Structures are given as structure tokens and as C-alpha cells.
C-alpha atoms as a PDB file:
ATOM      1  CA  MET A   1       0.000   0.000   0.000  1.00  0.00           C
ATOM      2  CA  ILE A   2       0.981   3.640  -0.408  1.00  0.00           C
ATOM      3  CA  ALA A   3       2.120   5.479   2.687  1.00  0.00           C
ATOM      4  CA  THR A   4       0.015   8.547   3.434  1.00  0.00           C
ATOM      5  CA  LEU A   5       0.302  11.591   5.609  1.00  0.00           C
ATOM      6  CA  GLN A   6      -0.465  10.988   9.240  1.00  0.00           C
ATOM      7  CA  GLU A   7      -2.764  13.276  11.171  1.00  0.00           C
ATOM      8  CA  PRO A   8      -1.183  15.377  13.945  1.00  0.00           C
ATOM      9  CA  GLY A   9      -1.454  13.679  17.300  1.00  0.00           C
ATOM     10  CA  THR A  10      -1.989  10.219  15.797  1.00  0.00           C
ATOM     11  CA  SER A  11       0.567   7.680  16.938  1.00  0.00           C
ATOM     12  CA  GLU A  12       2.348   5.296  14.609  1.00  0.00           C
ATOM     13  CA  THR A  13       0.738   2.338  16.349  1.00  0.00           C
ATOM     14  CA  ALA A  14      -2.734   3.787  15.877  1.00  0.00           C
ATOM     15  CA  THR A  15      -2.309   4.463  12.173  1.00  0.00           C
ATOM     16  CA  ASN A  16      -0.910   2.013   9.651  1.00  0.00           C
ATOM     17  CA  ARG A  17       0.905   2.827   6.428  1.00  0.00           C
ATOM     18  CA  ALA A  18      -2.278   2.988   4.384  1.00  0.00           C
ATOM     19  CA  GLY A  19      -3.587   5.868   6.473  1.00  0.00           C
ATOM     20  CA  PHE A  20      -6.106   3.701   8.329  1.00  0.00           C
ATOM     21  CA  THR A  21      -6.645   3.799  12.074  1.00  0.00           C
ATOM     22  CA  SER A  22      -7.292   0.521  13.858  1.00  0.00           C
ATOM     23  CA  GLU A  23     -10.952   1.510  13.938  1.00  0.00           C
ATOM     24  CA  ALA A  24     -10.883   1.992  10.156  1.00  0.00           C
ATOM     25  CA  VAL A  25      -9.445  -1.511   9.738  1.00  0.00           C
ATOM     26  CA  ALA A  26     -12.532  -2.819  11.502  1.00  0.00           C
ATOM     27  CA  HIS A  27     -14.646  -0.730   9.130  1.00  0.00           C
ATOM     28  CA  ARG A  28     -12.820  -2.288   6.188  1.00  0.00           C
ATOM     29  CA  ARG A  29     -13.668  -5.767   7.359  1.00  0.00           C
ATOM     30  CA  ARG A  30     -17.275  -4.706   7.698  1.00  0.00           C
ATOM     31  CA  LEU A  31     -17.275  -3.216   4.184  1.00  0.00           C
ATOM     32  CA  ALA A  32     -15.707  -6.379   2.788  1.00  0.00           C
ATOM     33  CA  ALA A  33     -18.587  -8.395   4.224  1.00  0.00           C
ATOM     34  CA  ALA A  34     -21.184  -5.983   2.793  1.00  0.00           C
ATOM     35  CA  THR A  35     -22.585  -6.019  -0.729  1.00  0.00           C
ATOM     36  CA  ALA A  36     -21.421  -3.598  -3.402  1.00  0.00           C
ATOM     37  CA  ALA A  37     -24.798  -1.851  -3.234  1.00  0.00           C
ATOM     38  CA  ASP A  38     -24.481  -1.355   0.521  1.00  0.00           C
ATOM     39  CA  ARG A  39     -20.973   0.068   0.136  1.00  0.00           C
ATOM     40  CA  ALA A  40     -22.161   2.469  -2.547  1.00  0.00           C
ATOM     41  CA  ALA A  41     -25.093   3.551  -0.370  1.00  0.00           C
ATOM     42  CA  GLU A  42     -22.778   4.290   2.558  1.00  0.00           C
ATOM     43  CA  LEU A  43     -20.467   6.302   0.321  1.00  0.00           C
ATOM     44  CA  LEU A  44     -23.350   8.368  -1.052  1.00  0.00           C
ATOM     45  CA  ASP A  45     -24.692   8.932   2.444  1.00  0.00           C
ATOM     46  CA  ARG A  46     -21.309  10.341   3.438  1.00  0.00           C
ATOM     47  CA  TYR A  47     -20.987  12.441   0.257  1.00  0.00           C
ATOM     48  CA  PRO A  48     -24.538  13.121  -1.001  1.00  0.00           C
ATOM     49  CA  ASP A  49     -23.278  15.547  -3.668  1.00  0.00           C
ATOM     50  CA  LEU A  50     -21.759  12.593  -5.526  1.00  0.00           C
ATOM     51  CA  ARG A  51     -25.276  11.806  -6.728  1.00  0.00           C
ATOM     52  CA  LEU A  52     -24.903  14.846  -9.007  1.00  0.00           C
ATOM     53  CA  LEU A  53     -22.297  13.036 -11.111  1.00  0.00           C
ATOM     54  CA  PRO A  54     -24.135  11.409 -14.029  1.00  0.00           C
ATOM     55  CA  GLY A  55     -23.092   7.946 -15.090  1.00  0.00           C
ATOM     56  CA  CYS A  56     -20.915   7.053 -12.090  1.00  0.00           C
ATOM     57  CA  ASP A  57     -21.352   3.430 -11.038  1.00  0.00           C
ATOM     58  CA  TRP A  58     -20.340   3.596  -7.388  1.00  0.00           C
ATOM     59  CA  GLU A  59     -20.959  -0.119  -6.947  1.00  0.00           C
ATOM     60  CA  ARG A  60     -17.928  -0.842  -9.146  1.00  0.00           C
ATOM     61  CA  LEU A  61     -15.522   0.631  -6.604  1.00  0.00           C
ATOM     62  CA  GLY A  62     -13.450  -1.900  -4.690  1.00  0.00           C
ATOM     63  CA  VAL A  63     -13.525  -2.384  -0.936  1.00  0.00           C
ATOM     64  CA  THR A  64     -10.147  -0.704  -0.410  1.00  0.00           C
ATOM     65  CA  THR A  65     -11.132   2.297  -2.522  1.00  0.00           C
ATOM     66  CA  VAL A  66     -14.411   2.821  -0.659  1.00  0.00           C
ATOM     67  CA  CYS A  67     -12.672   2.379   2.687  1.00  0.00           C
ATOM     68  CA  CYS A  68     -10.051   4.993   1.745  1.00  0.00           C
ATOM     69  CA  LEU A  69     -12.790   7.479   0.862  1.00  0.00           C
ATOM     70  CA  LEU A  70     -14.814   6.786   4.000  1.00  0.00           C
ATOM     71  CA  TYR A  71     -12.180   6.148   6.659  1.00  0.00           C
ATOM     72  CA  GLY A  72      -8.691   6.539   5.198  1.00  0.00           C
ATOM     73  CA  ALA A  73      -6.479   9.572   4.639  1.00  0.00           C
ATOM     74  CA  ALA A  74      -8.746  10.806   1.832  1.00  0.00           C
ATOM     75  CA  SER A  75     -11.666  11.054   4.260  1.00  0.00           C
ATOM     76  CA  ARG A  76      -9.708  13.443   6.496  1.00  0.00           C
ATOM     77  CA  HIS A  77      -8.449  15.604   3.646  1.00  0.00           C
ATOM     78  CA  PHE A  78      -9.747  19.130   3.088  1.00  0.00           C
ATOM     79  CA  ALA A  79     -10.658  18.068  -0.486  1.00  0.00           C
ATOM     80  CA  ASN A  80     -12.358  14.811   0.525  1.00  0.00           C
ATOM     81  CA  LEU A  81     -15.464  15.483  -1.591  1.00  0.00           C
ATOM     82  CA  GLN A  82     -13.428  16.300  -4.703  1.00  0.00           C
ATOM     83  CA  LEU A  83     -11.208  13.254  -4.128  1.00  0.00           C
ATOM     84  CA  ALA A  84     -14.301  11.048  -3.993  1.00  0.00           C
ATOM     85  CA  ALA A  85     -15.632  12.662  -7.176  1.00  0.00           C
ATOM     86  CA  VAL A  86     -12.427  12.130  -9.141  1.00  0.00           C
ATOM     87  CA  THR A  87     -12.402   8.498  -7.994  1.00  0.00           C
ATOM     88  CA  GLY A  88     -15.839   8.040  -9.546  1.00  0.00           C
ATOM     89  CA  ILE A  89     -14.708   9.740 -12.747  1.00  0.00           C
ATOM     90  CA  LEU A  90     -11.678   7.459 -12.988  1.00  0.00           C
ATOM     91  CA  GLY A  91     -14.037   4.514 -12.559  1.00  0.00           C
ATOM     92  CA  ILE A  92     -16.068   5.678 -15.565  1.00  0.00           C
ATOM     93  CA  ALA A  93     -12.836   5.951 -17.560  1.00  0.00           C
ATOM     94  CA  GLY A  94     -12.097   2.287 -16.836  1.00  0.00           C
ATOM     95  CA  VAL A  95      -9.008   2.972 -14.711  1.00  0.00           C
ATOM     96  CA  ASN A  96      -8.094  -0.069 -12.638  1.00  0.00           C
ATOM     97  CA  ARG A  97      -8.400  -0.016  -8.861  1.00  0.00           C
ATOM     98  CA  ALA A  98      -4.685  -0.157  -8.107  1.00  0.00           C
ATOM     99  CA  TYR A  99      -3.998   2.884 -10.283  1.00  0.00           C
ATOM    100  CA  THR A 100      -6.939   4.720  -8.692  1.00  0.00           C
ATOM    101  CA  ILE A 101      -5.433   4.289  -5.224  1.00  0.00           C
ATOM    102  CA  VAL A 102      -2.032   5.510  -6.441  1.00  0.00           C
ATOM    103  CA  ALA A 103      -3.673   8.475  -8.189  1.00  0.00           C
ATOM    104  CA  ASP A 104      -5.522   9.376  -4.985  1.00  0.00           C
ATOM    105  CA  HIS A 105      -2.229   9.481  -3.101  1.00  0.00           C
ATOM    106  CA  CYS A 106      -0.547  11.595  -5.787  1.00  0.00           C
ATOM    107  CA  VAL A 107      -3.419  14.092  -6.018  1.00  0.00           C
ATOM    108  CA  ARG A 108      -3.414  14.500  -2.244  1.00  0.00           C
ATOM    109  CA  SER A 109       0.353  15.022  -2.243  1.00  0.00           C
ATOM    110  CA  VAL A 110       0.069  17.901  -4.729  1.00  0.00           C
ATOM    111  CA  LEU A 111      -2.840  19.492  -2.861  1.00  0.00           C
ATOM    112  CA  ASP A 112      -1.077  19.108   0.486  1.00  0.00           C
ATOM    113  CA  LEU A 113       1.941  21.033  -0.793  1.00  0.00           C
ATOM    114  CA  MET A 114      -0.312  23.799  -2.090  1.00  0.00           C
ATOM    115  CA  GLN A 115      -2.078  23.981   1.255  1.00  0.00           C
ATOM    116  CA  LYS A 116       1.204  24.026   3.174  1.00  0.00           C
ATOM    117  CA  ARG A 117       2.579  26.807   0.996  1.00  0.00           C
ATOM    118  CA  TYR A 118      -0.530  28.994   0.653  1.00  0.00           C
ATOM    119  CA  GLY A 119      -2.844  27.938   3.482  1.00  0.00           C
ATOM    120  CA  ILE A 120      -5.744  27.115   1.177  1.00  0.00           C
ATOM    121  CA  THR A 121      -8.837  25.446   2.628  1.00  0.00           C
ATOM    122  CA  ALA A 122     -10.604  24.585  -0.651  1.00  0.00           C
ATOM    123  CA  THR A 123      -9.346  23.517  -4.049  1.00  0.00           C
ATOM    124  CA  ASP A 124     -11.034  26.390  -5.880  1.00  0.00           C
ATOM    125  CA  GLU A 125      -8.749  28.800  -3.983  1.00  0.00           C
ATOM    126  CA  ILE A 126      -5.780  27.640  -6.072  1.00  0.00           C
ATOM    127  CA  THR A 127      -4.991  30.355  -8.614  1.00  0.00           C
ATOM    128  CA  LEU A 128      -2.854  30.447 -11.745  1.00  0.00           C
ATOM    129  CA  GLU A 129      -0.294  32.535  -9.866  1.00  0.00           C
ATOM    130  CA  MET A 130      -0.020  29.865  -7.155  1.00  0.00           C
ATOM    131  CA  TRP A 131       0.610  27.134  -9.719  1.00  0.00           C
ATOM    132  CA  GLU A 132       3.187  29.292 -11.483  1.00  0.00           C
ATOM    133  CA  ALA A 133       5.023  30.124  -8.246  1.00  0.00           C
ATOM    134  CA  ARG A 134       5.037  26.491  -7.188  1.00  0.00           C
ATOM    135  CA  GLY A 135       6.266  25.427 -10.607  1.00  0.00           C
ATOM    136  CA  ARG A 136       9.239  27.788 -10.464  1.00  0.00           C
ATOM    137  CA  ASP A 137      10.512  25.990  -7.364  1.00  0.00           C
ATOM    138  CA  ILE A 138      12.806  23.599  -9.225  1.00  0.00           C
ATOM    139  CA  ASP A 139      13.796  21.581  -6.164  1.00  0.00           C
ATOM    140  CA  VAL A 140      10.156  20.871  -5.312  1.00  0.00           C
ATOM    141  CA  MET A 141       9.277  19.977  -8.885  1.00  0.00           C
ATOM    142  CA  ARG A 142      12.044  17.371  -8.964  1.00  0.00           C
ATOM    143  CA  THR A 143      10.325  15.551  -6.105  1.00  0.00           C
ATOM    144  CA  LEU A 144       6.865  15.794  -7.657  1.00  0.00           C
ATOM    145  CA  THR A 145       7.441  14.372 -11.128  1.00  0.00           C
ATOM    146  CA  ASN A 146       5.308  11.271 -10.611  1.00  0.00           C
ATOM    147  CA  GLN A 147       2.697  13.057  -8.480  1.00  0.00           C
ATOM    148  CA  ILE A 148       2.224  15.828 -11.032  1.00  0.00           C
ATOM    149  CA  ALA A 149       1.905  13.251 -13.809  1.00  0.00           C
ATOM    150  CA  LYS A 150      -0.864  11.388 -11.967  1.00  0.00           C
ATOM    151  CA  TYR A 151      -2.594  14.674 -11.043  1.00  0.00           C
ATOM    152  CA  ALA A 152      -2.532  15.753 -14.690  1.00  0.00           C
ATOM    153  CA  ALA A 153      -3.882  12.385 -15.846  1.00  0.00           C
ATOM    154  CA  ALA A 154      -6.783  12.474 -13.389  1.00  0.00           C
ATOM    155  CA  VAL A 155      -7.659  16.188 -13.464  1.00  0.00           C
ATOM    156  CA  ASN A 156      -6.461  17.447 -16.846  1.00  0.00           C
ATOM    157  CA  PHE A 157      -7.230  14.365 -18.945  1.00  0.00           C
ATOM    158  CA  HIS A 158      -9.887  12.030 -17.528  1.00  0.00           C
ATOM    159  CA  THR A 159     -12.008  14.743 -15.902  1.00  0.00           C
ATOM    160  CA  PRO A 160     -12.367  16.933 -19.052  1.00  0.00           C
ATOM    161  CA  ALA A 161     -13.106  13.810 -21.106  1.00  0.00           C
ATOM    162  CA  TYR A 162     -15.956  13.048 -18.701  1.00  0.00           C
ATOM    163  CA  VAL A 163     -17.264  16.614 -18.463  1.00  0.00           C
ATOM    164  CA  GLU A 164     -17.405  17.204 -22.209  1.00  0.00           C
ATOM    165  CA  ARG A 165     -20.129  14.563 -22.547  1.00  0.00           C
ATOM    166  CA  LEU A 166     -22.411  16.293 -20.016  1.00  0.00           C
ATOM    167  CA  SER A 167     -25.175  18.766 -20.661  1.00  0.00           C
ATOM    168  CA  ARG A 168     -24.730  22.408 -19.794  1.00  0.00           C
ATOM    169  CA  ALA A 169     -27.035  22.020 -16.786  1.00  0.00           C
ATOM    170  CA  ASP A 170     -25.059  19.042 -15.453  1.00  0.00           C
ATOM    171  CA  LYS A 171     -21.786  20.935 -15.887  1.00  0.00           C
ATOM    172  CA  ALA A 172     -23.136  23.802 -13.801  1.00  0.00           C
ATOM    173  CA  ARG A 173     -24.293  21.429 -11.046  1.00  0.00           C
ATOM    174  CA  ILE A 174     -21.010  19.543 -10.639  1.00  0.00           C
ATOM    175  CA  GLY A 175     -18.570  22.470 -10.828  1.00  0.00           C
ATOM    176  CA  HIS A 176     -17.856  22.381  -7.078  1.00  0.00           C
ATOM    177  CA  LEU A 177     -16.971  18.671  -7.285  1.00  0.00           C
ATOM    178  CA  LEU A 178     -14.096  19.112  -9.719  1.00  0.00           C
ATOM    179  CA  LEU A 179     -10.469  19.678  -8.808  1.00  0.00           C
ATOM    180  CA  THR A 180      -8.565  22.671 -10.145  1.00  0.00           C
ATOM    181  CA  PRO A 181      -6.636  21.588 -13.255  1.00  0.00           C
ATOM    182  CA  LEU A 182      -2.994  22.344 -13.871  1.00  0.00           C
ATOM    183  CA  PRO A 183      -2.359  25.357 -16.136  1.00  0.00           C
ATOM    184  CA  HIS A 184      -1.853  24.588 -19.809  1.00  0.00           C
ATOM    185  CA  HIS A 185       1.660  23.240 -20.604  1.00  0.00           C
ATOM    186  CA  PHE A 186       2.530  23.242 -16.883  1.00  0.00           C
ATOM    187  CA  ARG A 187       4.388  19.955 -17.090  1.00  0.00           C
ATOM    188  CA  GLU A 188       6.312  20.978 -20.201  1.00  0.00           C
ATOM    189  CA  ARG A 189       7.406  24.217 -18.566  1.00  0.00           C
ATOM    190  CA  PHE A 190       8.150  23.195 -14.996  1.00  0.00           C
ATOM    191  CA  VAL A 191       8.359  19.444 -14.507  1.00  0.00           C
ATOM    192  CA  PRO A 192      11.810  18.022 -15.392  1.00  0.00           C
ATOM    193  CA  MET A 193      10.409  15.138 -17.423  1.00  0.00           C
ATOM    194  CA  ALA A 194      13.599  14.639 -19.443  1.00  0.00           C
ATOM    195  CA  GLU A 195      15.617  14.324 -16.248  1.00  0.00           C
ATOM    196  CA  HIS A 196      13.025  11.960 -14.820  1.00  0.00           C
ATOM    197  CA  ARG A 197      13.043   9.758 -17.918  1.00  0.00           C
ATOM    198  CA  ALA A 198      16.848   9.680 -17.922  1.00  0.00           C
ATOM    199  CA  ALA A 199      16.807   8.537 -14.288  1.00  0.00           C
ATOM    200  CA  GLN A 200      14.288   5.825 -15.187  1.00  0.00           C
ATOM    201  CA  ARG A 201      16.519   4.642 -18.042  1.00  0.00           C
ATOM    202  CA  ARG A 202      19.510   4.506 -15.691  1.00  0.00           C
ATOM    203  CA  ARG A 203      17.536   2.421 -13.197  1.00  0.00           C
ATOM    204  CA  ARG A 204      16.346   0.047 -15.919  1.00  0.00           C
ATOM    205  CA  LYS A 205      19.893  -0.288 -17.295  1.00  0.00           C
ATOM    206  CA  ALA A 206      21.235  -1.055 -13.819  1.00  0.00           C
ATOM    207  CA  LYS A 207      18.678  -3.844 -13.427  1.00  0.00           C
ATOM    208  CA  THR A 208      19.444  -5.140 -16.921  1.00  0.00           C
ATOM    209  CA  ASP A 209      23.190  -5.159 -16.227  1.00  0.00           C
ATOM    210  CA  VAL A 210      22.646  -7.222 -13.085  1.00  0.00           C
ATOM    211  CA  LEU A 211      20.425  -9.674 -14.950  1.00  0.00           C
ATOM    212  CA  SER A 212      22.951  -9.921 -17.780  1.00  0.00           C
ATOM    213  CA  GLU A 213      25.725 -10.839 -15.370  1.00  0.00           C
ATOM    214  CA  CYS A 214      23.489 -13.375 -13.647  1.00  0.00           C
ATOM    215  CA  ALA A 215      22.535 -14.924 -16.974  1.00  0.00           C
ATOM    216  CA  THR A 216      26.203 -15.309 -17.904  1.00  0.00           C
ATOM    217  CA  ALA A 217      26.990 -16.912 -14.567  1.00  0.00           C
ATOM    218  CA  ILE A 218      24.036 -19.297 -14.818  1.00  0.00           C
ATOM    219  CA  LEU A 219      25.048 -20.295 -18.356  1.00  0.00           C
ATOM    220  CA  ALA A 220      28.631 -20.920 -17.254  1.00  0.00           C
ATOM    221  CA  LEU A 221      27.394 -23.057 -14.358  1.00  0.00           C
ATOM    222  CA  MET A 222      25.192 -25.093 -16.684  1.00  0.00           C
ATOM    223  CA  LEU A 223      28.056 -25.682 -19.105  1.00  0.00           C
ATOM    224  CA  ALA A 224      30.314 -26.720 -16.243  1.00  0.00           C
ATOM    225  CA  ARG A 225      27.758 -29.275 -15.072  1.00  0.00           C
ATOM    226  CA  TYR A 226      27.410 -30.982 -18.458  1.00  0.00           C
ATOM    227  CA  PRO A 227      30.548 -33.196 -18.125  1.00  0.00           C
ATOM    228  CA  SER A 228      29.573 -34.421 -14.669  1.00  0.00           C
ATOM    229  CA  ALA A 229      26.038 -35.113 -15.896  1.00  0.00           C
ATOM    230  CA  GLU A 230      27.404 -37.166 -18.802  1.00  0.00           C
ATOM    231  CA  ARG A 231      29.684 -39.112 -16.442  1.00  0.00           C
ATOM    232  CA  PHE A 232      26.688 -39.850 -14.198  1.00  0.00           C
ATOM    233  CA  ILE A 233      24.639 -41.069 -17.166  1.00  0.00           C
ATOM    234  CA  ARG A 234      27.457 -43.424 -18.262  1.00  0.00           C
ATOM    235  CA  TRP A 235      27.904 -44.708 -14.715  1.00  0.00           C
ATOM    236  CA  TYR A 236      24.242 -45.217 -13.840  1.00  0.00           C
ATOM    237  CA  PRO A 237      23.225 -48.712 -14.943  1.00  0.00           C
ATOM    238  CA  ALA A 238      20.404 -49.148 -17.411  1.00  0.00           C
ATOM    239  CA  PRO A 239      17.333 -51.058 -16.050  1.00  0.00           C
ATOM    240  CA  ASP A 240      17.948 -54.147 -18.169  1.00  0.00           C
ATOM    241  CA  ARG A 241      21.585 -54.377 -17.066  1.00  0.00           C
ATOM    242  CA  ALA A 242      20.651 -53.782 -13.444  1.00  0.00           C
ATOM    243  CA  ASP A 243      18.448 -56.874 -13.534  1.00  0.00           C
END
């Protein structure tokens, strides 16, 4: 599971790495025993505004995803409603559950940094100037390459693809449920993607080099064992001779 931010005053023993308290673990077991319809009903009771999202099949969400939204770190986040909404939108897009959980963590990471820097209490308080100022912090951007990529995929790609199919009335009703998108060309301007890709290539090459050396050693060991195997075959008596 992905490690999440821990609430102030919450001990390490009371909160596990997935952001769940021991009480939330009990809730997860209860949700696992419930039907998909019951889990969806509990989620909509917690976030009634999610009913405004047309086409979202909340029963398709997995147990872990629902538990994160109801009792995990996402439930304690200042953007908990918007995080739940984007989870439903990703479900419509056919995004798998594992990716959805990772995307939730990445979106929260970006929003948490914006809140820490600017003291925002709602996502619609994020302005273009805030994004620009954050983007110019090169050291921060180097640590957010993956998080920004997942945020852009969820908010700048999947969300607009969902919204464009809605009527004008539906778009007006769900505006408060949507996260603030990144400015146009934000990643191209501020996120060191080339550096990130080069680092990925170096990591892949390092793994390949290790595997190449192992393959050579395994081949050499096999070749060295051939003579002894042939000697064993010549020595071991055939069944008819053994009789």
C-alpha cells in the first residue's frame, strides 16, 4: 500500500501505512462483508453531492477504494469530496483499482503542498499565480514528477473527457466537485520530465546489467555441469543391465 500523511497527534501504532486507524481496519472488514450496493449507499450517504455526477457506477468501486474514501487519509483531507468525485470519474474511464489508489495518493500530495505553501482550505482557492510560483521551485518539482503526472492524468485528462459529454445544466451542477486543473503546458514548462526519464533509463539499465551478469553466470554453471552429468549417465546402470 501507499504510505500517506499521518494526522497530527496520531501515533504510529494507531495508524498504519495505508492511512487507516485501527478503527478503520474494523470498518474495512465490515465493508468487505457488505454487498457492493451497501458500500455504494454508505459512500453516497457520506458524500450526497456525488449523486450529481451522471453515469458514475459507485458499486464498481473496490472495498479498499471505498474504505479509503470513507475512513482513510482521503476522508480526512480538506478536499475529501473532490477526491471522492475524481475516484468516480476514474471509474467511468475504466481505470483499474490499483492505479486509482495511487492516483488518490498523488493528487493528495500535490494538494497538500499547495495547502502548506498557501494555506488554502478549498481547491477552488488555487490560482494560476499559485501554480506558477510552485512550478518555479525547481527543487520541489524534482520531487513531484510522478505526483504531477498522476494529477494531470486524473484532473487534466480524464475529468475533461468526462465533463465534455455532459449537458450544460449538469456541468453547472457539478462544478464544485471538480479539482482545479494544472495550467496549460505546466508539465512541459516546470516538470523536469527529461531528467526523470533519464533517471528511469539509468535504473532500468542497472537492473538489466545485473540480470545480464546473472545470466552469464548461470550459463557458465550449466556448461560446467554438463561433463559431470554425462559421467553420471554413463555410470548409472540401465534397467535391463541392473536386472
